Amino acid sequence: MSGPKGQGGLYVGYLPLPRAHRAFLAIALPAIMLAFIGGAAFIAGAQRDPGDAVWETGEERTWTGVLVAYPHPTLYVDGTAHLLAEMGKSGPHARGIPEHPVQARIRGYPLAREGRLIIELAPDEGAISVVSNVPPNTPTRASLGPATIRGEIIDGKCFLGAMKPGDGKAHKACAILCIEGGLPPMVAVRDDPADPTPAEVLLLLVDGSTDLPREVLDLVAQPVVITGERTRIGTLGIIDAHAADIRPAP
């Protein structure tokens, strides 16, 4: 059907598409699709690498080692530290873990990233069973001296596999809830906030405790500089600082 003089063909739903419209759509539709695909690829490529964290929830596993309650409940298997966590956003402190080291058998699910492991405990009461009150090869805490580090305060469970990404500003609210719930606060040590592979991941203590005060929680998920005392228990690195010595990175 022809429109008014000089206006070309009109589109009528029950009639064939005018030739001029068909020619336009033959070019415009592929161009629009290519633009969408290209834009999606650009956005995906610009995203920060979340790292190689893995959360194995398909099959329960068992570990045997030395269980210690302080500074955070941890199972040491031949000196290798396995931090403990509950399902959800809570730590295992309500499990009644003995204050003195014991040999224990732990059942749960591993979250791992770059050789670091955290165990999410099975939900039943028997997830932790004491094998002996006199464990062999109890790990000791060694002082490494004062240090100043740069990095990002994170919660250990999400960073080691529960979330991707488990760090950065998008994860700030979740990280604060997890740390307040008793999950281990940690520091991903790195100069470049975009680097998915930190040089170290350290347990963060403020005045000897994993209970972070509000002024430190407010600094979660952003670059910080921390001056404190470095220690190590087995493979677990620790930085212990005063709240005033944790500040935003310049």
C-alpha atoms as a PDB file:
ATOM      1  CA  MET A   1       0.000   0.000   0.000  1.00  0.00           C
ATOM      2  CA  SER A   2       1.235   3.475  -0.851  1.00  0.00           C
ATOM      3  CA  GLY A   3       1.034   6.363   1.608  1.00  0.00           C
ATOM      4  CA  PRO A   4       0.558  10.031   0.884  1.00  0.00           C
ATOM      5  CA  LYS A   5       2.632  11.348  -1.960  1.00  0.00           C
ATOM      6  CA  GLY A   6       6.303  11.638  -1.038  1.00  0.00           C
ATOM      7  CA  GLN A   7       6.019   9.527   2.173  1.00  0.00           C
ATOM      8  CA  GLY A   8       6.775   6.097   0.675  1.00  0.00           C
ATOM      9  CA  GLY A   9       5.090   2.854   1.657  1.00  0.00           C
ATOM     10  CA  LEU A  10       3.013   2.344   4.806  1.00  0.00           C
ATOM     11  CA  TYR A  11       3.172  -0.746   6.990  1.00  0.00           C
ATOM     12  CA  VAL A  12      -0.105  -2.648   7.335  1.00  0.00           C
ATOM     13  CA  GLY A  13      -0.026  -5.745   9.511  1.00  0.00           C
ATOM     14  CA  TYR A  14      -2.033  -7.985   7.163  1.00  0.00           C
ATOM     15  CA  LEU A  15      -0.070  -6.950   4.055  1.00  0.00           C
ATOM     16  CA  PRO A  16       3.514  -7.815   3.041  1.00  0.00           C
ATOM     17  CA  LEU A  17       6.201  -5.552   4.506  1.00  0.00           C
ATOM     18  CA  PRO A  18       7.076  -2.720   2.128  1.00  0.00           C
ATOM     19  CA  ARG A  19      10.340  -3.189   0.233  1.00  0.00           C
ATOM     20  CA  ALA A  20      11.957  -0.121   1.798  1.00  0.00           C
ATOM     21  CA  HIS A  21      11.218  -1.411   5.309  1.00  0.00           C
ATOM     22  CA  ARG A  22      12.598  -4.854   4.473  1.00  0.00           C
ATOM     23  CA  ALA A  23      15.842  -3.356   3.240  1.00  0.00           C
ATOM     24  CA  PHE A  24      16.228  -1.223   6.368  1.00  0.00           C
ATOM     25  CA  LEU A  25      15.524  -4.100   8.764  1.00  0.00           C
ATOM     26  CA  ALA A  26      17.879  -6.440   6.898  1.00  0.00           C
ATOM     27  CA  ILE A  27      20.707  -4.079   7.844  1.00  0.00           C
ATOM     28  CA  ALA A  28      19.504  -2.674  11.171  1.00  0.00           C
ATOM     29  CA  LEU A  29      18.582  -5.915  12.974  1.00  0.00           C
ATOM     30  CA  PRO A  30      21.960  -7.681  12.491  1.00  0.00           C
ATOM     31  CA  ALA A  31      23.746  -4.439  13.404  1.00  0.00           C
ATOM     32  CA  ILE A  32      21.726  -4.098  16.635  1.00  0.00           C
ATOM     33  CA  MET A  33      22.368  -7.751  17.562  1.00  0.00           C
ATOM     34  CA  LEU A  34      26.102  -7.372  16.936  1.00  0.00           C
ATOM     35  CA  ALA A  35      26.126  -4.204  19.061  1.00  0.00           C
ATOM     36  CA  PHE A  36      24.427  -6.030  21.958  1.00  0.00           C
ATOM     37  CA  ILE A  37      26.822  -8.986  21.698  1.00  0.00           C
ATOM     38  CA  GLY A  38      29.842  -6.691  21.511  1.00  0.00           C
ATOM     39  CA  GLY A  39      28.640  -4.631  24.466  1.00  0.00           C
ATOM     40  CA  ALA A  40      28.014  -7.743  26.566  1.00  0.00           C
ATOM     41  CA  ALA A  41      31.461  -9.108  25.723  1.00  0.00           C
ATOM     42  CA  PHE A  42      33.091  -5.791  26.646  1.00  0.00           C
ATOM     43  CA  ILE A  43      31.284  -5.593  29.994  1.00  0.00           C
ATOM     44  CA  ALA A  44      32.127  -9.224  30.817  1.00  0.00           C
ATOM     45  CA  GLY A  45      35.764  -8.722  29.875  1.00  0.00           C
ATOM     46  CA  ALA A  46      36.028  -5.623  32.043  1.00  0.00           C
ATOM     47  CA  GLN A  47      34.926  -7.451  35.199  1.00  0.00           C
ATOM     48  CA  ARG A  48      37.528  -8.174  37.876  1.00  0.00           C
ATOM     49  CA  ASP A  49      38.684 -11.803  38.095  1.00  0.00           C
ATOM     50  CA  PRO A  50      37.010 -13.312  41.223  1.00  0.00           C
ATOM     51  CA  GLY A  51      39.806 -15.871  41.666  1.00  0.00           C
ATOM     52  CA  ASP A  52      39.867 -19.664  41.709  1.00  0.00           C
ATOM     53  CA  ALA A  53      37.849 -20.282  44.871  1.00  0.00           C
ATOM     54  CA  VAL A  54      36.047 -23.639  45.127  1.00  0.00           C
ATOM     55  CA  TRP A  55      33.203 -24.721  47.441  1.00  0.00           C
ATOM     56  CA  GLU A  56      32.674 -28.494  47.512  1.00  0.00           C
ATOM     57  CA  THR A  57      29.181 -29.147  48.872  1.00  0.00           C
ATOM     58  CA  GLY A  58      28.451 -32.405  47.069  1.00  0.00           C
ATOM     59  CA  GLU A  59      30.161 -34.828  49.438  1.00  0.00           C
ATOM     60  CA  GLU A  60      30.935 -34.632  53.146  1.00  0.00           C
ATOM     61  CA  ARG A  61      34.581 -35.135  54.090  1.00  0.00           C
ATOM     62  CA  THR A  62      36.465 -35.958  57.305  1.00  0.00           C
ATOM     63  CA  TRP A  63      39.694 -34.501  58.701  1.00  0.00           C
ATOM     64  CA  THR A  64      41.677 -35.449  61.821  1.00  0.00           C
ATOM     65  CA  GLY A  65      44.119 -33.092  63.478  1.00  0.00           C
ATOM     66  CA  VAL A  66      44.765 -30.740  66.384  1.00  0.00           C
ATOM     67  CA  LEU A  67      41.788 -28.505  67.205  1.00  0.00           C
ATOM     68  CA  VAL A  68      42.438 -25.147  68.858  1.00  0.00           C
ATOM     69  CA  ALA A  69      39.897 -22.532  69.896  1.00  0.00           C
ATOM     70  CA  TYR A  70      42.056 -19.383  69.837  1.00  0.00           C
ATOM     71  CA  PRO A  71      42.413 -16.999  68.083  1.00  0.00           C
ATOM     72  CA  HIS A  72      39.752 -18.613  65.852  1.00  0.00           C
ATOM     73  CA  PRO A  73      38.585 -22.240  65.921  1.00  0.00           C
ATOM     74  CA  THR A  74      41.039 -24.028  63.640  1.00  0.00           C
ATOM     75  CA  LEU A  75      41.992 -27.616  62.851  1.00  0.00           C
ATOM     76  CA  TYR A  76      45.704 -28.162  62.187  1.00  0.00           C
ATOM     77  CA  VAL A  77      46.430 -31.187  60.014  1.00  0.00           C
ATOM     78  CA  ASP A  78      50.196 -31.785  59.986  1.00  0.00           C
ATOM     79  CA  GLY A  79      50.671 -28.078  60.654  1.00  0.00           C
ATOM     80  CA  THR A  80      48.325 -26.938  57.867  1.00  0.00           C
ATOM     81  CA  ALA A  81      45.628 -24.615  59.206  1.00  0.00           C
ATOM     82  CA  HIS A  82      41.979 -25.324  58.375  1.00  0.00           C
ATOM     83  CA  LEU A  83      39.760 -22.551  59.754  1.00  0.00           C
ATOM     84  CA  LEU A  84      36.273 -23.635  60.834  1.00  0.00           C
ATOM     85  CA  ALA A  85      32.897 -22.118  59.958  1.00  0.00           C
ATOM     86  CA  GLU A  86      29.240 -22.996  60.301  1.00  0.00           C
ATOM     87  CA  MET A  87      26.708 -23.112  57.500  1.00  0.00           C
ATOM     88  CA  GLY A  88      25.415 -19.655  56.719  1.00  0.00           C
ATOM     89  CA  LYS A  89      26.942 -16.488  58.136  1.00  0.00           C
ATOM     90  CA  SER A  90      28.146 -17.716  61.518  1.00  0.00           C
ATOM     91  CA  GLY A  91      31.239 -19.055  63.195  1.00  0.00           C
ATOM     92  CA  PRO A  92      31.584 -22.295  65.199  1.00  0.00           C
ATOM     93  CA  HIS A  93      32.053 -20.702  68.630  1.00  0.00           C
ATOM     94  CA  ALA A  94      28.748 -22.105  69.951  1.00  0.00           C
ATOM     95  CA  ARG A  95      30.031 -25.664  69.422  1.00  0.00           C
ATOM     96  CA  GLY A  96      31.699 -25.696  72.841  1.00  0.00           C
ATOM     97  CA  ILE A  97      35.213 -26.196  71.460  1.00  0.00           C
ATOM     98  CA  PRO A  98      37.636 -26.933  74.344  1.00  0.00           C
ATOM     99  CA  GLU A  99      39.865 -24.027  75.332  1.00  0.00           C
ATOM    100  CA  HIS A 100      42.939 -26.287  75.396  1.00  0.00           C
ATOM    101  CA  PRO A 101      44.147 -28.039  72.197  1.00  0.00           C
ATOM    102  CA  VAL A 102      42.713 -31.515  71.570  1.00  0.00           C
ATOM    103  CA  GLN A 103      43.014 -34.103  68.853  1.00  0.00           C
ATOM    104  CA  ALA A 104      39.702 -34.096  67.011  1.00  0.00           C
ATOM    105  CA  ARG A 105      37.881 -35.504  64.021  1.00  0.00           C
ATOM    106  CA  ILE A 106      35.966 -32.965  61.936  1.00  0.00           C
ATOM    107  CA  ARG A 107      33.241 -33.612  59.366  1.00  0.00           C
ATOM    108  CA  GLY A 108      32.176 -31.010  56.853  1.00  0.00           C
ATOM    109  CA  TYR A 109      32.667 -29.423  53.470  1.00  0.00           C
ATOM    110  CA  PRO A 110      35.827 -27.702  52.170  1.00  0.00           C
ATOM    111  CA  LEU A 111      36.119 -24.229  50.721  1.00  0.00           C
ATOM    112  CA  ALA A 112      39.526 -23.731  49.114  1.00  0.00           C
ATOM    113  CA  ARG A 113      41.450 -21.021  47.327  1.00  0.00           C
ATOM    114  CA  GLU A 114      45.112 -21.093  46.305  1.00  0.00           C
ATOM    115  CA  GLY A 115      46.036 -23.724  48.869  1.00  0.00           C
ATOM    116  CA  ARG A 116      44.092 -22.135  51.745  1.00  0.00           C
ATOM    117  CA  LEU A 117      41.228 -24.114  53.264  1.00  0.00           C
ATOM    118  CA  ILE A 118      38.225 -23.405  55.455  1.00  0.00           C
ATOM    119  CA  ILE A 119      35.898 -26.187  56.631  1.00  0.00           C
ATOM    120  CA  GLU A 120      32.160 -25.609  56.776  1.00  0.00           C
ATOM    121  CA  LEU A 121      31.030 -27.938  59.559  1.00  0.00           C
ATOM    122  CA  ALA A 122      28.315 -30.521  58.987  1.00  0.00           C
ATOM    123  CA  PRO A 123      25.121 -29.329  60.712  1.00  0.00           C
ATOM    124  CA  ASP A 124      24.744 -32.223  63.186  1.00  0.00           C
ATOM    125  CA  GLU A 125      26.153 -32.183  66.736  1.00  0.00           C
ATOM    126  CA  GLY A 126      28.682 -34.913  65.905  1.00  0.00           C
ATOM    127  CA  ALA A 127      30.534 -32.803  63.333  1.00  0.00           C
ATOM    128  CA  ILE A 128      33.296 -32.310  65.928  1.00  0.00           C
ATOM    129  CA  SER A 129      34.407 -35.335  67.940  1.00  0.00           C
ATOM    130  CA  VAL A 130      37.344 -35.331  70.363  1.00  0.00           C
ATOM    131  CA  VAL A 131      39.746 -38.229  69.777  1.00  0.00           C
ATOM    132  CA  SER A 132      42.264 -37.405  72.522  1.00  0.00           C
ATOM    133  CA  ASN A 133      42.733 -34.688  75.117  1.00  0.00           C
ATOM    134  CA  VAL A 134      46.509 -34.962  74.657  1.00  0.00           C
ATOM    135  CA  PRO A 135      47.119 -34.170  70.981  1.00  0.00           C
ATOM    136  CA  PRO A 136      50.482 -34.827  69.329  1.00  0.00           C
ATOM    137  CA  ASN A 137      52.468 -32.002  67.741  1.00  0.00           C
ATOM    138  CA  THR A 138      50.425 -29.113  69.127  1.00  0.00           C
ATOM    139  CA  PRO A 139      51.173 -26.048  66.959  1.00  0.00           C
ATOM    140  CA  THR A 140      52.782 -23.089  68.694  1.00  0.00           C
ATOM    141  CA  ARG A 141      52.512 -19.385  67.922  1.00  0.00           C
ATOM    142  CA  ALA A 142      55.700 -17.802  66.615  1.00  0.00           C
ATOM    143  CA  SER A 143      56.354 -14.052  66.540  1.00  0.00           C
ATOM    144  CA  LEU A 144      57.501 -12.539  63.241  1.00  0.00           C
ATOM    145  CA  GLY A 145      57.886  -8.995  64.559  1.00  0.00           C
ATOM    146  CA  PRO A 146      56.182  -5.697  63.732  1.00  0.00           C
ATOM    147  CA  ALA A 147      54.979  -5.099  60.196  1.00  0.00           C
ATOM    148  CA  THR A 148      52.974  -2.726  58.035  1.00  0.00           C
ATOM    149  CA  ILE A 149      50.827  -4.307  55.338  1.00  0.00           C
ATOM    150  CA  ARG A 150      48.471  -3.043  52.661  1.00  0.00           C
ATOM    151  CA  GLY A 151      45.390  -4.952  51.566  1.00  0.00           C
ATOM    152  CA  GLU A 152      41.653  -5.460  52.031  1.00  0.00           C
ATOM    153  CA  ILE A 153      39.721  -6.711  55.048  1.00  0.00           C
ATOM    154  CA  ILE A 154      37.560  -9.666  54.011  1.00  0.00           C
ATOM    155  CA  ASP A 155      35.586 -12.478  55.625  1.00  0.00           C
ATOM    156  CA  GLY A 156      37.387 -15.782  55.231  1.00  0.00           C
ATOM    157  CA  LYS A 157      34.475 -17.994  54.241  1.00  0.00           C
ATOM    158  CA  CYS A 158      33.209 -15.923  51.332  1.00  0.00           C
ATOM    159  CA  PHE A 159      36.705 -15.139  50.049  1.00  0.00           C
ATOM    160  CA  LEU A 160      37.771 -18.796  50.118  1.00  0.00           C
ATOM    161  CA  GLY A 161      34.806 -20.012  48.093  1.00  0.00           C
ATOM    162  CA  ALA A 162      31.330 -19.190  49.382  1.00  0.00           C
ATOM    163  CA  MET A 163      30.978 -16.138  47.123  1.00  0.00           C
ATOM    164  CA  LYS A 164      32.388 -15.033  43.786  1.00  0.00           C
ATOM    165  CA  PRO A 165      33.509 -12.350  44.166  1.00  0.00           C
ATOM    166  CA  GLY A 166      34.064 -12.646  47.919  1.00  0.00           C
ATOM    167  CA  ASP A 167      35.711  -9.247  48.163  1.00  0.00           C
ATOM    168  CA  GLY A 168      35.424  -5.704  46.873  1.00  0.00           C
ATOM    169  CA  LYS A 169      32.790  -3.021  47.424  1.00  0.00           C
ATOM    170  CA  ALA A 170      29.984  -5.182  46.007  1.00  0.00           C
ATOM    171  CA  HIS A 171      30.607  -7.649  48.843  1.00  0.00           C
ATOM    172  CA  LYS A 172      30.955  -5.130  51.695  1.00  0.00           C
ATOM    173  CA  ALA A 173      27.548  -5.628  53.366  1.00  0.00           C
ATOM    174  CA  CYS A 174      27.819  -9.424  53.182  1.00  0.00           C
ATOM    175  CA  ALA A 175      31.363  -9.403  54.580  1.00  0.00           C
ATOM    176  CA  ILE A 176      30.342  -7.253  57.557  1.00  0.00           C
ATOM    177  CA  LEU A 177      27.412  -9.568  58.378  1.00  0.00           C
ATOM    178  CA  CYS A 178      29.677 -12.622  58.151  1.00  0.00           C
ATOM    179  CA  ILE A 179      32.348 -11.125  60.412  1.00  0.00           C
ATOM    180  CA  GLU A 180      29.742  -9.968  62.937  1.00  0.00           C
ATOM    181  CA  GLY A 181      28.347 -13.511  62.876  1.00  0.00           C
ATOM    182  CA  GLY A 182      31.679 -14.991  63.949  1.00  0.00           C
ATOM    183  CA  LEU A 183      33.345 -15.900  60.662  1.00  0.00           C
ATOM    184  CA  PRO A 184      37.079 -15.175  60.578  1.00  0.00           C
ATOM    185  CA  PRO A 185      38.063 -11.622  59.577  1.00  0.00           C
ATOM    186  CA  MET A 186      41.067 -11.757  57.280  1.00  0.00           C
ATOM    187  CA  VAL A 187      43.268  -9.480  55.229  1.00  0.00           C
ATOM    188  CA  ALA A 188      44.011 -10.144  51.558  1.00  0.00           C
ATOM    189  CA  VAL A 189      47.487  -8.613  51.312  1.00  0.00           C
ATOM    190  CA  ARG A 190      48.023  -6.890  47.960  1.00  0.00           C
ATOM    191  CA  ASP A 191      49.082  -3.539  46.561  1.00  0.00           C
ATOM    192  CA  ASP A 192      46.662  -3.683  43.606  1.00  0.00           C
ATOM    193  CA  PRO A 193      42.983  -3.970  44.673  1.00  0.00           C
ATOM    194  CA  ALA A 194      42.159  -5.542  41.279  1.00  0.00           C
ATOM    195  CA  ASP A 195      44.649  -8.401  41.725  1.00  0.00           C
ATOM    196  CA  PRO A 196      42.634 -11.620  42.306  1.00  0.00           C
ATOM    197  CA  THR A 197      45.677 -13.390  43.779  1.00  0.00           C
ATOM    198  CA  PRO A 198      46.832 -11.809  47.062  1.00  0.00           C
ATOM    199  CA  ALA A 199      50.416 -12.281  48.216  1.00  0.00           C
ATOM    200  CA  GLU A 200      49.082 -13.547  51.572  1.00  0.00           C
ATOM    201  CA  VAL A 201      45.805 -14.005  53.398  1.00  0.00           C
ATOM    202  CA  LEU A 202      46.197 -13.244  57.103  1.00  0.00           C
ATOM    203  CA  LEU A 203      43.837 -13.662  60.043  1.00  0.00           C
ATOM    204  CA  LEU A 204      43.052 -10.205  61.432  1.00  0.00           C
ATOM    205  CA  LEU A 205      43.007  -9.596  65.178  1.00  0.00           C
ATOM    206  CA  VAL A 206      42.239  -6.288  66.867  1.00  0.00           C
ATOM    207  CA  ASP A 207      43.798  -6.219  70.325  1.00  0.00           C
ATOM    208  CA  GLY A 208      44.029 -10.005  70.241  1.00  0.00           C
ATOM    209  CA  SER A 209      40.405 -10.657  69.219  1.00  0.00           C
ATOM    210  CA  THR A 210      38.533 -11.495  66.017  1.00  0.00           C
ATOM    211  CA  ASP A 211      35.619  -9.336  67.263  1.00  0.00           C
ATOM    212  CA  LEU A 212      36.181  -6.222  65.196  1.00  0.00           C
ATOM    213  CA  PRO A 213      35.016  -2.854  66.552  1.00  0.00           C
ATOM    214  CA  ARG A 214      32.670  -0.729  64.454  1.00  0.00           C
ATOM    215  CA  GLU A 215      35.402   1.637  63.258  1.00  0.00           C
ATOM    216  CA  VAL A 216      37.251  -1.332  61.748  1.00  0.00           C
ATOM    217  CA  LEU A 217      34.107  -2.934  60.296  1.00  0.00           C
ATOM    218  CA  ASP A 218      33.485   0.333  58.461  1.00  0.00           C
ATOM    219  CA  LEU A 219      36.799  -0.244  56.622  1.00  0.00           C
ATOM    220  CA  VAL A 220      35.861  -3.706  55.335  1.00  0.00           C
ATOM    221  CA  ALA A 221      36.056  -4.177  51.542  1.00  0.00           C
ATOM    222  CA  GLN A 222      38.277  -1.185  50.830  1.00  0.00           C
ATOM    223  CA  PRO A 223      42.055  -0.750  50.583  1.00  0.00           C
ATOM    224  CA  VAL A 224      43.604  -0.297  54.041  1.00  0.00           C
ATOM    225  CA  VAL A 225      47.028   0.006  55.644  1.00  0.00           C
ATOM    226  CA  ILE A 226      47.552  -1.988  58.861  1.00  0.00           C
ATOM    227  CA  THR A 227      50.467  -1.650  61.266  1.00  0.00           C
ATOM    228  CA  GLY A 228      50.694  -4.404  63.847  1.00  0.00           C
ATOM    229  CA  GLU A 229      52.444  -7.527  65.089  1.00  0.00           C
ATOM    230  CA  ARG A 230      52.922 -10.450  62.712  1.00  0.00           C
ATOM    231  CA  THR A 231      52.692 -13.985  64.122  1.00  0.00           C
ATOM    232  CA  ARG A 232      52.207 -17.442  62.702  1.00  0.00           C
ATOM    233  CA  ILE A 233      50.626 -20.700  63.914  1.00  0.00           C
ATOM    234  CA  GLY A 234      51.495 -23.509  61.519  1.00  0.00           C
ATOM    235  CA  THR A 235      50.551 -22.186  58.091  1.00  0.00           C
ATOM    236  CA  LEU A 236      48.151 -19.572  59.517  1.00  0.00           C
ATOM    237  CA  GLY A 237      49.550 -16.051  59.264  1.00  0.00           C
ATOM    238  CA  ILE A 238      48.170 -13.479  61.711  1.00  0.00           C
ATOM    239  CA  ILE A 239      48.293  -9.696  61.973  1.00  0.00           C
ATOM    240  CA  ASP A 240      47.334  -8.235  65.373  1.00  0.00           C
ATOM    241  CA  ALA A 241      46.775  -4.484  65.503  1.00  0.00           C
ATOM    242  CA  HIS A 242      45.096  -1.712  67.460  1.00  0.00           C
ATOM    243  CA  ALA A 243      41.999  -0.211  65.825  1.00  0.00           C
ATOM    244  CA  ALA A 244      43.776   3.138  65.510  1.00  0.00           C
ATOM    245  CA  ASP A 245      46.511   1.453  63.459  1.00  0.00           C
ATOM    246  CA  ILE A 246      44.071   0.322  60.750  1.00  0.00           C
ATOM    247  CA  ARG A 247      43.372   3.156  58.345  1.00  0.00           C
ATOM    248  CA  PRO A 248      42.224   3.740  54.760  1.00  0.00           C
ATOM    249  CA  ALA A 249      45.004   3.438  52.199  1.00  0.00           C
ATOM    250  CA  PRO A 250      46.025   6.739  50.640  1.00  0.00           C
END
